[in-house]
Amino acid sequence: MNKRTSYFTLLLVLLFILIAINYKSLNGFAEKTFINYEEGVVERVVDGDTLIINNQSVRLLGINTPERGEKYYAEAKKFLEEQTLNKTVKIYFGKDKYDLYNRMLGYIYLEGENINELIVKQGYANIYFPSGKDSYYSSFYSAWTECLSKNINLCEKSQHKCVFCIETELKVDEQLVILANNCDFSCDLTDWTIKDEGRKKYTFEKTILQSNEVINIYSKDFNQKYVWTKAGDSVFIRDSEDKLVLWISY
């Protein structure tokens, strides 16, 4: 064996020893280098989809939970506290790391489980992808349909007599939702709501939809220039008790 071969062999042995000793740290370095994430301790839960981690506000991606004063607001917040408070989690980032309010945006993982997705599965949030569907969308969609099959919390189906009367059509280009009553009796829609995946919501005031009558709801009725995004969205129609009448996703 010549000196050059011996030197090369020695380098390989030393490299192997170095990797064996420092595998864990090297593996962590590689993971952080090639997968965009950070770790931190959850110090406080602000609401059902917002945490304080390492003194930084973190908005959970892919979901939207009820606002203060809405049904299941307290339950969603409590559930997130039970899952994450005072625990070390990983924050995996999407396309953008921060939003306009300087909140960090991420998918929260605890011991390998996606907490954002779990919240949807338990019916404390609806899916929410305002910037377009990413690689998480499919599993979140499945989580929502699983929630619907369980008929729990935000997924609980309405028992209103008009559930099967109301036919709905969405025209995204016209920012228009059309509701038609196909039953032979009138339907009281007072306090029913139409909502997108985010915070835009229309509430019916005193409204009686007669048999075979049609009503058109435009974005201007939401006091918005637009409601339904072309990148994809959902329509949630709920009765006066906030039970789910209809869900359309596109």
Foldseek 3Di string as FASTA:
>chain_A
DDPVVVVVVVVVVVVVVVCVVCVVVVVVVVCVVPFPKDKFAFAAQPWLAWTQTPNAIEGEAFWDFDDPPDPLGVVSSVVVCVVGHRHMWMFGADPDQADPVRHGYGFIDDPRDGVRLVSLLQQRIQTDDPPADDPCNVSSVVSNVNNLVVCDHLNPADPDPQLVQWDWDADQVQQKIKIFGQDQAKDFQAQKWKAKRYDQIAGDHGDIHGHGRMDMDHVVSSVDPHHADPSKIKIFIAGNVSHTSDMDID
